[in-house]
C-alpha atoms as a PDB file:
ATOM      1  CA  MET A   1     276.949  28.294  31.232  1.00  0.00           C
ATOM      2  CA  LEU A   2     280.432  29.463  30.172  1.00  0.00           C
ATOM      3  CA  GLU A   3     280.083  27.617  26.862  1.00  0.00           C
ATOM      4  CA  GLU A   4     277.111  29.829  25.986  1.00  0.00           C
ATOM      5  CA  TYR A   5     279.295  32.939  25.969  1.00  0.00           C
ATOM      6  CA  PHE A   6     282.750  31.703  24.984  1.00  0.00           C
ATOM      7  CA  ALA A   7     282.927  29.641  21.808  1.00  0.00           C
ATOM      8  CA  LYS A   8     286.535  28.505  22.092  1.00  0.00           C
ATOM      9  CA  PRO A   9     286.988  25.429  24.329  1.00  0.00           C
ATOM     10  CA  ALA A  10     290.464  26.678  25.250  1.00  0.00           C
ATOM     11  CA  THR A  11     288.937  29.858  26.707  1.00  0.00           C
ATOM     12  CA  VAL A  12     286.406  27.899  28.759  1.00  0.00           C
ATOM     13  CA  ASP A  13     289.130  25.542  29.989  1.00  0.00           C
ATOM     14  CA  ARG A  14     291.326  28.479  30.982  1.00  0.00           C
ATOM     15  CA  LEU A  15     288.512  30.108  32.956  1.00  0.00           C
ATOM     16  CA  ARG A  16     287.548  26.878  34.713  1.00  0.00           C
ATOM     17  CA  GLY A  17     291.213  26.098  35.328  1.00  0.00           C
ATOM     18  CA  SER A  18     291.602  29.216  37.439  1.00  0.00           C
ATOM     19  CA  TRP A  19     291.874  28.614  41.184  1.00  0.00           C
ATOM     20  CA  MET A  20     288.640  30.629  41.446  1.00  0.00           C
ATOM     21  CA  GLY A  21     287.017  29.042  38.390  1.00  0.00           C
ATOM     22  CA  ALA A  22     283.893  28.005  40.328  1.00  0.00           C
ATOM     23  CA  GLU A  23     283.345  31.606  41.444  1.00  0.00           C
ATOM     24  CA  ILE A  24     283.807  32.919  37.902  1.00  0.00           C
ATOM     25  CA  GLU A  25     281.150  30.495  36.654  1.00  0.00           C
ATOM     26  CA  THR A  26     278.829  31.434  39.517  1.00  0.00           C
ATOM     27  CA  TYR A  27     279.222  35.097  38.554  1.00  0.00           C
ATOM     28  CA  VAL A  28     278.408  34.353  34.907  1.00  0.00           C
ATOM     29  CA  ASP A  29     275.332  32.384  36.010  1.00  0.00           C
ATOM     30  CA  TRP A  30     274.202  35.365  38.097  1.00  0.00           C
ATOM     31  CA  LEU A  31     274.673  37.808  35.215  1.00  0.00           C
ATOM     32  CA  ALA A  32     272.763  35.515  32.857  1.00  0.00           C
ATOM     33  CA  ALA A  33     269.941  35.102  35.385  1.00  0.00           C
ATOM     34  CA  HIS A  34     269.602  38.875  35.571  1.00  0.00           C
ATOM     35  CA  GLN A  35     269.504  39.107  31.773  1.00  0.00           C
ATOM     36  CA  TYR A  36     272.730  41.051  31.304  1.00  0.00           C
ATOM     37  CA  LYS A  37     273.636  41.390  27.648  1.00  0.00           C
ATOM     38  CA  ASP A  38     276.305  39.162  26.108  1.00  0.00           C
ATOM     39  CA  ARG A  39     278.734  41.989  25.456  1.00  0.00           C
ATOM     40  CA  TYR A  40     278.491  43.002  29.106  1.00  0.00           C
ATOM     41  CA  ILE A  41     279.523  39.502  30.190  1.00  0.00           C
ATOM     42  CA  TRP A  42     282.286  39.344  27.574  1.00  0.00           C
ATOM     43  CA  SER A  43     283.791  42.586  28.874  1.00  0.00           C
ATOM     44  CA  ARG A  44     283.617  41.673  32.577  1.00  0.00           C
ATOM     45  CA  VAL A  45     284.768  38.079  32.713  1.00  0.00           C
ATOM     46  CA  PRO A  46     288.331  38.764  31.414  1.00  0.00           C
ATOM     47  CA  VAL A  47     288.759  41.451  34.094  1.00  0.00           C
ATOM     48  CA  VAL A  48     287.546  39.101  36.821  1.00  0.00           C
ATOM     49  CA  PHE A  49     289.814  36.316  35.548  1.00  0.00           C
ATOM     50  CA  ALA A  50     292.819  38.669  35.496  1.00  0.00           C
ATOM     51  CA  PHE A  51     292.008  39.743  39.040  1.00  0.00           C
ATOM     52  CA  GLY A  52     292.035  36.127  40.206  1.00  0.00           C
ATOM     53  CA  GLU A  53     295.407  35.499  38.577  1.00  0.00           C
ATOM     54  CA  PHE A  54     296.800  38.719  40.064  1.00  0.00           C
ATOM     55  CA  ALA A  55     295.556  37.932  43.570  1.00  0.00           C
ATOM     56  CA  GLY A  56     296.765  34.331  43.325  1.00  0.00           C
ATOM     57  CA  ALA A  57     300.246  35.487  42.354  1.00  0.00           C
ATOM     58  CA  ARG A  58     300.253  37.689  45.449  1.00  0.00           C
ATOM     59  CA  GLY A  59     299.425  34.750  47.709  1.00  0.00           C
ATOM     60  CA  ALA A  60     295.621  34.662  47.813  1.00  0.00           C
ATOM     61  CA  ALA A  61     294.392  31.097  48.197  1.00  0.00           C
ATOM     62  CA  THR A  62     290.784  31.530  49.356  1.00  0.00           C
ATOM     63  CA  ILE A  63     287.898  33.709  48.273  1.00  0.00           C
ATOM     64  CA  VAL A  64     287.768  35.576  51.583  1.00  0.00           C
ATOM     65  CA  GLU A  65     291.303  36.897  50.929  1.00  0.00           C
ATOM     66  CA  LEU A  66     290.370  38.577  47.652  1.00  0.00           C
ATOM     67  CA  PRO A  67     289.073  41.947  48.946  1.00  0.00           C
ATOM     68  CA  ALA A  68     292.541  42.778  50.280  1.00  0.00           C
ATOM     69  CA  HIS A  69     293.922  42.727  46.722  1.00  0.00           C
ATOM     70  CA  VAL A  70     291.316  44.889  44.978  1.00  0.00           C
ATOM     71  CA  ASP A  71     293.065  48.249  45.322  1.00  0.00           C
ATOM     72  CA  ALA A  72     296.433  46.885  44.184  1.00  0.00           C
ATOM     73  CA  PHE A  73     294.840  45.197  41.172  1.00  0.00           C
ATOM     74  CA  VAL A  74     292.985  48.340  40.131  1.00  0.00           C
ATOM     75  CA  GLU A  75     296.189  50.385  40.324  1.00  0.00           C
ATOM     76  CA  HIS A  76     298.118  47.722  38.383  1.00  0.00           C
ATOM     77  CA  ARG A  77     295.475  47.303  35.682  1.00  0.00           C
ATOM     78  CA  VAL A  78     294.992  51.026  35.140  1.00  0.00           C
ATOM     79  CA  ALA A  79     298.759  51.553  34.884  1.00  0.00           C
ATOM     80  CA  LEU A  80     299.034  48.787  32.272  1.00  0.00           C
ATOM     81  CA  HIS A  81     296.208  50.291  30.236  1.00  0.00           C
ATOM     82  CA  HIS A  82     297.782  53.742  30.220  1.00  0.00           C
ATOM     83  CA  GLU A  83     301.173  52.283  29.337  1.00  0.00           C
ATOM     84  CA  HIS A  84     299.871  50.286  26.374  1.00  0.00           C
ATOM     85  CA  THR A  85     297.442  52.861  24.967  1.00  0.00           C
ATOM     86  CA  ARG A  86     299.128  56.124  25.991  1.00  0.00           C
ATOM     87  CA  SER A  87     295.674  57.196  27.099  1.00  0.00           C
ATOM     88  CA  THR A  88     295.051  59.434  30.099  1.00  0.00           C
ATOM     89  CA  ARG A  89     291.335  58.597  30.306  1.00  0.00           C
ATOM     90  CA  PRO A  90     290.328  57.457  33.822  1.00  0.00           C
ATOM     91  CA  MET A  91     289.872  53.664  33.941  1.00  0.00           C
ATOM     92  CA  THR A  92     289.400  53.050  37.646  1.00  0.00           C
ATOM     93  CA  ASN A  93     285.661  52.384  37.626  1.00  0.00           C
ATOM     94  CA  GLU A  94     285.902  50.105  34.576  1.00  0.00           C
ATOM     95  CA  VAL A  95     288.303  47.889  36.507  1.00  0.00           C
ATOM     96  CA  ARG A  96     286.987  48.185  40.040  1.00  0.00           C
ATOM     97  CA  GLY A  97     283.326  47.798  39.015  1.00  0.00           C
ATOM     98  CA  PRO A  98     283.491  44.234  37.618  1.00  0.00           C
ATOM     99  CA  VAL A  99     285.787  43.035  40.404  1.00  0.00           C
ATOM    100  CA  GLU A 100     283.681  44.394  43.256  1.00  0.00           C
ATOM    101  CA  HIS A 101     280.463  43.290  41.596  1.00  0.00           C
ATOM    102  CA  MET A 102     281.797  39.732  41.300  1.00  0.00           C
ATOM    103  CA  LEU A 103     282.919  39.742  44.949  1.00  0.00           C
ATOM    104  CA  ALA A 104     279.495  40.935  46.061  1.00  0.00           C
ATOM    105  CA  VAL A 105     277.898  38.022  44.208  1.00  0.00           C
ATOM    106  CA  VAL A 106     280.211  35.223  45.370  1.00  0.00           C
ATOM    107  CA  LEU A 107     281.268  36.487  48.808  1.00  0.00           C
ATOM    108  CA  ASP A 108     278.515  36.850  51.398  1.00  0.00           C
ATOM    109  CA  GLY A 109     278.724  40.090  53.319  1.00  0.00           C
ATOM    110  CA  TYR A 110     281.008  41.898  50.877  1.00  0.00           C
ATOM    111  CA  ALA A 111     279.950  45.513  50.352  1.00  0.00           C
ATOM    112  CA  PRO A 112     281.200  47.260  47.181  1.00  0.00           C
ATOM    113  CA  THR A 113     282.625  50.739  47.591  1.00  0.00           C
ATOM    114  CA  GLY A 114     280.299  52.029  44.895  1.00  0.00           C
ATOM    115  CA  ARG A 115     276.519  51.960  44.710  1.00  0.00           C
ATOM    116  CA  LYS A 116     275.027  49.097  46.720  1.00  0.00           C
ATOM    117  CA  ARG A 117     272.960  46.520  44.917  1.00  0.00           C
ATOM    118  CA  GLY A 118     270.285  44.197  46.217  1.00  0.00           C
ATOM    119  CA  LEU A 119     271.991  40.899  45.496  1.00  0.00           C
ATOM    120  CA  HIS A 120     269.833  38.525  47.498  1.00  0.00           C
ATOM    121  CA  PRO A 121     266.601  37.554  45.755  1.00  0.00           C
ATOM    122  CA  PHE A 122     263.468  38.367  47.773  1.00  0.00           C
ATOM    123  CA  ALA A 123     265.610  40.335  50.259  1.00  0.00           C
ATOM    124  CA  ASP A 124     262.700  42.675  50.965  1.00  0.00           C
ATOM    125  CA  THR A 125     260.073  40.034  51.772  1.00  0.00           C
ATOM    126  CA  ALA A 126     262.148  37.140  53.166  1.00  0.00           C
ATOM    127  CA  PRO A 127     265.426  38.724  54.315  1.00  0.00           C
ATOM    128  CA  GLY A 128     266.432  35.905  56.640  1.00  0.00           C
ATOM    129  CA  PHE A 129     266.202  33.046  54.160  1.00  0.00           C
ATOM    130  CA  PHE A 130     269.907  32.762  53.354  1.00  0.00           C
ATOM    131  CA  ASP A 131     270.851  32.971  57.033  1.00  0.00           C
ATOM    132  CA  TYR A 132     268.363  30.151  57.590  1.00  0.00           C
ATOM    133  CA  LEU A 133     270.108  28.028  54.954  1.00  0.00           C
ATOM    134  CA  VAL A 134     273.434  28.432  56.725  1.00  0.00           C
ATOM    135  CA  GLN A 135     272.436  28.426  60.387  1.00  0.00           C
ATOM    136  CA  GLU A 136     269.556  25.931  60.453  1.00  0.00           C
ATOM    137  CA  ARG A 137     270.166  23.723  57.441  1.00  0.00           C
ATOM    138  CA  GLY A 138     273.961  23.883  57.660  1.00  0.00           C
ATOM    139  CA  LEU A 139     274.497  24.328  53.929  1.00  0.00           C
ATOM    140  CA  ARG A 140     277.928  25.099  52.538  1.00  0.00           C
ATOM    141  CA  PRO A 141     278.643  28.450  50.799  1.00  0.00           C
ATOM    142  CA  PHE A 142     278.705  26.902  47.317  1.00  0.00           C
ATOM    143  CA  THR A 143     275.278  25.319  47.854  1.00  0.00           C
ATOM    144  CA  VAL A 144     273.896  28.594  49.208  1.00  0.00           C
ATOM    145  CA  ARG A 145     275.116  30.342  46.055  1.00  0.00           C
ATOM    146  CA  ARG A 146     273.237  27.786  43.948  1.00  0.00           C
ATOM    147  CA  TYR A 147     270.079  28.604  45.909  1.00  0.00           C
ATOM    148  CA  ARG A 148     270.664  32.272  45.155  1.00  0.00           C
ATOM    149  CA  ILE A 149     271.023  31.624  41.435  1.00  0.00           C
ATOM    150  CA  HIS A 150     267.895  29.451  41.321  1.00  0.00           C
ATOM    151  CA  LEU A 151     265.803  32.013  43.199  1.00  0.00           C
ATOM    152  CA  ASP A 152     267.213  34.784  41.003  1.00  0.00           C
ATOM    153  CA  HIS A 153     265.661  32.963  38.051  1.00  0.00           C
ATOM    154  CA  PHE A 154     262.312  32.809  39.833  1.00  0.00           C
ATOM    155  CA  GLU A 155     262.424  36.467  40.909  1.00  0.00           C
ATOM    156  CA  THR A 156     263.288  37.513  37.343  1.00  0.00           C
ATOM    157  CA  TYR A 157     260.359  35.459  36.026  1.00  0.00           C
ATOM    158  CA  LEU A 158     257.936  37.100  38.467  1.00  0.00           C
ATOM    159  CA  ARG A 159     259.071  40.552  37.360  1.00  0.00           C
ATOM    160  CA  LYS A 160     258.626  39.546  33.732  1.00  0.00           C
ATOM    161  CA  ILE A 161     255.004  38.487  34.222  1.00  0.00           C
ATOM    162  CA  GLY A 162     254.188  41.527  36.356  1.00  0.00           C
ATOM    163  CA  VAL A 163     253.985  39.870  39.796  1.00  0.00           C
ATOM    164  CA  GLU A 164     255.150  42.457  42.329  1.00  0.00           C
ATOM    165  CA  SER A 165     254.931  40.419  45.540  1.00  0.00           C
ATOM    166  CA  ILE A 166     255.445  36.773  46.392  1.00  0.00           C
ATOM    167  CA  ARG A 167     252.080  36.937  48.162  1.00  0.00           C
ATOM    168  CA  GLU A 168     250.559  36.857  44.676  1.00  0.00           C
ATOM    169  CA  ILE A 169     252.178  33.496  43.856  1.00  0.00           C
ATOM    170  CA  SER A 170     249.793  30.684  42.941  1.00  0.00           C
ATOM    171  CA  PRO A 171     250.193  27.040  41.887  1.00  0.00           C
ATOM    172  CA  THR A 172     249.523  28.141  38.300  1.00  0.00           C
ATOM    173  CA  ILE A 173     252.424  30.595  38.390  1.00  0.00           C
ATOM    174  CA  LEU A 174     254.741  27.994  39.880  1.00  0.00           C
ATOM    175  CA  SER A 175     253.825  25.455  37.203  1.00  0.00           C
ATOM    176  CA  ALA A 176     254.253  28.007  34.422  1.00  0.00           C
ATOM    177  CA  PHE A 177     257.699  28.960  35.741  1.00  0.00           C
ATOM    178  CA  LEU A 178     258.943  25.366  35.756  1.00  0.00           C
ATOM    179  CA  VAL A 179     257.464  24.718  32.309  1.00  0.00           C
ATOM    180  CA  GLU A 180     259.345  27.743  30.984  1.00  0.00           C
ATOM    181  CA  ARG A 181     262.588  26.610  32.593  1.00  0.00           C
ATOM    182  CA  ALA A 182     262.197  23.115  31.165  1.00  0.00           C
ATOM    183  CA  GLY A 183     261.407  24.601  27.756  1.00  0.00           C
ATOM    184  CA  ALA A 184     264.634  26.613  27.835  1.00  0.00           C
ATOM    185  CA  GLY A 185     266.592  23.463  27.024  1.00  0.00           C
ATOM    186  CA  LEU A 186     267.917  22.889  30.542  1.00  0.00           C
ATOM    187  CA  ALA A 187     268.818  19.419  31.704  1.00  0.00           C
ATOM    188  CA  LYS A 188     266.199  17.635  33.801  1.00  0.00           C
ATOM    189  CA  THR A 189     268.598  17.603  36.746  1.00  0.00           C
ATOM    190  CA  THR A 190     268.960  21.395  36.563  1.00  0.00           C
ATOM    191  CA  VAL A 191     265.189  21.926  36.522  1.00  0.00           C
ATOM    192  CA  ARG A 192     264.867  19.462  39.400  1.00  0.00           C
ATOM    193  CA  ASP A 193     267.463  21.391  41.439  1.00  0.00           C
ATOM    194  CA  GLU A 194     265.645  24.681  40.793  1.00  0.00           C
ATOM    195  CA  ALA A 195     262.358  23.109  41.851  1.00  0.00           C
ATOM    196  CA  GLY A 196     263.987  21.786  45.019  1.00  0.00           C
ATOM    197  CA  SER A 197     265.346  25.220  45.926  1.00  0.00           C
ATOM    198  CA  LEU A 198     261.931  26.746  45.280  1.00  0.00           C
ATOM    199  CA  LYS A 199     260.241  24.184  47.556  1.00  0.00           C
ATOM    200  CA  VAL A 200     262.582  25.025  50.428  1.00  0.00           C
ATOM    201  CA  PHE A 201     262.021  28.754  49.939  1.00  0.00           C
ATOM    202  CA  LEU A 202     258.224  28.426  49.835  1.00  0.00           C
ATOM    203  CA  ARG A 203     258.207  26.346  53.037  1.00  0.00           C
ATOM    204  CA  TYR A 204     260.355  28.970  54.749  1.00  0.00           C
ATOM    205  CA  ALA A 205     258.133  31.829  53.529  1.00  0.00           C
ATOM    206  CA  HIS A 206     255.066  30.048  54.919  1.00  0.00           C
ATOM    207  CA  ARG A 207     256.791  29.374  58.241  1.00  0.00           C
ATOM    208  CA  GLN A 208     257.681  33.063  58.543  1.00  0.00           C
ATOM    209  CA  GLY A 209     254.130  34.154  57.763  1.00  0.00           C
ATOM    210  CA  VAL A 210     255.032  35.725  54.418  1.00  0.00           C
ATOM    211  CA  LEU A 211     252.734  33.270  52.614  1.00  0.00           C
ATOM    212  CA  SER A 212     249.354  32.395  54.062  1.00  0.00           C
ATOM    213  CA  ARG A 213     249.660  28.780  52.918  1.00  0.00           C
ATOM    214  CA  ASP A 214     252.438  26.359  52.120  1.00  0.00           C
ATOM    215  CA  LEU A 215     252.735  26.196  48.320  1.00  0.00           C
ATOM    216  CA  SER A 216     255.716  23.848  48.272  1.00  0.00           C
ATOM    217  CA  SER A 217     253.478  20.889  47.446  1.00  0.00           C
ATOM    218  CA  ALA A 218     252.435  22.656  44.229  1.00  0.00           C
ATOM    219  CA  VAL A 219     255.997  22.472  42.914  1.00  0.00           C
ATOM    220  CA  GLY A 220     256.647  19.393  40.818  1.00  0.00           C
ATOM    221  CA  TRP A 221     259.843  18.413  39.096  1.00  0.00           C
ATOM    222  CA  PRO A 222     260.895  16.087  36.289  1.00  0.00           C
ATOM    223  CA  GLN A 223     262.154  12.655  37.254  1.00  0.00           C
ATOM    224  CA  ALA A 224     265.785  12.191  36.223  1.00  0.00           C
ATOM    225  CA  TYR A 225     266.619   8.509  36.021  1.00  0.00           C
ATOM    226  CA  ARG A 226     270.114   7.109  35.733  1.00  0.00           C
ATOM    227  CA  LEU A 227     271.014   6.204  32.123  1.00  0.00           C
ATOM    228  CA  SER A 228     267.678   7.665  30.976  1.00  0.00           C
ATOM    229  CA  GLU A 229     269.334   9.270  27.930  1.00  0.00           C
ATOM    230  CA  ILE A 230     270.183   5.902  26.397  1.00  0.00           C
ATOM    231  CA  PRO A 231     267.884   5.234  23.368  1.00  0.00           C
ATOM    232  CA  ARG A 232     265.074   2.771  24.076  1.00  0.00           C
ATOM    233  CA  SER A 233     265.465   1.002  20.732  1.00  0.00           C
ATOM    234  CA  ILE A 234     267.317   0.995  17.430  1.00  0.00           C
ATOM    235  CA  SER A 235     265.848   2.001  14.076  1.00  0.00           C
ATOM    236  CA  TRP A 236     264.048  -0.452  11.746  1.00  0.00           C
ATOM    237  CA  ALA A 237     266.873  -0.037   9.233  1.00  0.00           C
ATOM    238  CA  ASP A 238     269.324  -1.231  11.874  1.00  0.00           C
ATOM    239  CA  VAL A 239     267.005  -4.100  12.813  1.00  0.00           C
ATOM    240  CA  ASN A 240     266.882  -5.300   9.186  1.00  0.00           C
ATOM    241  CA  GLN A 241     270.642  -4.991   8.912  1.00  0.00           C
ATOM    242  CA  VAL A 242     271.127  -7.168  11.994  1.00  0.00           C
ATOM    243  CA  LEU A 243     268.670  -9.795  10.712  1.00  0.00           C
ATOM    244  CA  ALA A 244     270.307  -9.848   7.299  1.00  0.00           C
ATOM    245  CA  SER A 245     273.705 -10.502   8.850  1.00  0.00           C
ATOM    246  CA  VAL A 246     272.625 -13.869  10.290  1.00  0.00           C
ATOM    247  CA  ASP A 247     273.656 -16.971   8.310  1.00  0.00           C
ATOM    248  CA  ARG A 248     270.502 -19.117   8.368  1.00  0.00           C
ATOM    249  CA  ARG A 249     272.134 -22.001   6.484  1.00  0.00           C
ATOM    250  CA  THR A 250     273.333 -23.464   9.799  1.00  0.00           C
ATOM    251  CA  GLU A 251     271.419 -24.634  12.844  1.00  0.00           C
ATOM    252  CA  THR A 252     273.158 -22.052  15.010  1.00  0.00           C
ATOM    253  CA  GLY A 253     272.249 -19.306  12.558  1.00  0.00           C
ATOM    254  CA  ARG A 254     268.609 -20.363  12.448  1.00  0.00           C
ATOM    255  CA  ARG A 255     268.530 -20.395  16.254  1.00  0.00           C
ATOM    256  CA  ASP A 256     270.044 -16.900  16.415  1.00  0.00           C
ATOM    257  CA  TYR A 257     267.605 -15.657  13.799  1.00  0.00           C
ATOM    258  CA  ALA A 258     264.662 -17.012  15.792  1.00  0.00           C
ATOM    259  CA  ILE A 259     265.924 -15.313  18.975  1.00  0.00           C
ATOM    260  CA  LEU A 260     266.344 -12.004  17.165  1.00  0.00           C
ATOM    261  CA  LEU A 261     262.844 -12.256  15.693  1.00  0.00           C
ATOM    262  CA  LEU A 262     261.433 -12.773  19.179  1.00  0.00           C
ATOM    263  CA  LEU A 263     263.292  -9.710  20.422  1.00  0.00           C
ATOM    264  CA  VAL A 264     262.068  -7.631  17.493  1.00  0.00           C
ATOM    265  CA  THR A 265     258.416  -8.646  17.778  1.00  0.00           C
END
């Protein structure tokens, strides 16, 4: 996803090379899923990256340690801005906002000091789903975040088509969603992962009585076979070139030519 917003490979490598590179990419995925504009992402990611470097230099080694460094980073960043620009315009919210928003996305339970946002998809109708993933299925935080991103895509799609409640979901809607995701140029494995997350969510919603029937069986996904991207054949021009390269003046050449003809036909 980073490559879609940052054209220079060196920039992408620098972001992914950060000790919190996975969290930065998760944040970008979340912003993209919620249809934030490109310039919004361009302005926020450098701040988040700088925060990670700042916190790391102060000894932070895990994501859960980051909140303790927010205030110091905001003070440091604002002071640098005023020093370089000679401006007295308040900058606190422009620094604190991206940092706290990122933490709220990647760190479960983190509450920003500003206006609260509903970060969990379907939090109003299935509020216990993400607790279920952790407590009953035993999923790791990174995997839970992937579920959140996948369901964000589905929630955004439902809003786009005017569906206000998951109780209105039908097999037709589920199929149309996956067709749209596949048509967006995503890899088959990505679409398959989204379909898998959706299946788990639909089973949970049925178990909790949110859905009157289990719609998980209506979710199909593309088969992704190993080495499936390898071409099935070569072009006829290449075939003719191979045949023409065989020396049929010898017995070995005539044998090879016969074998190649069998393979071709």
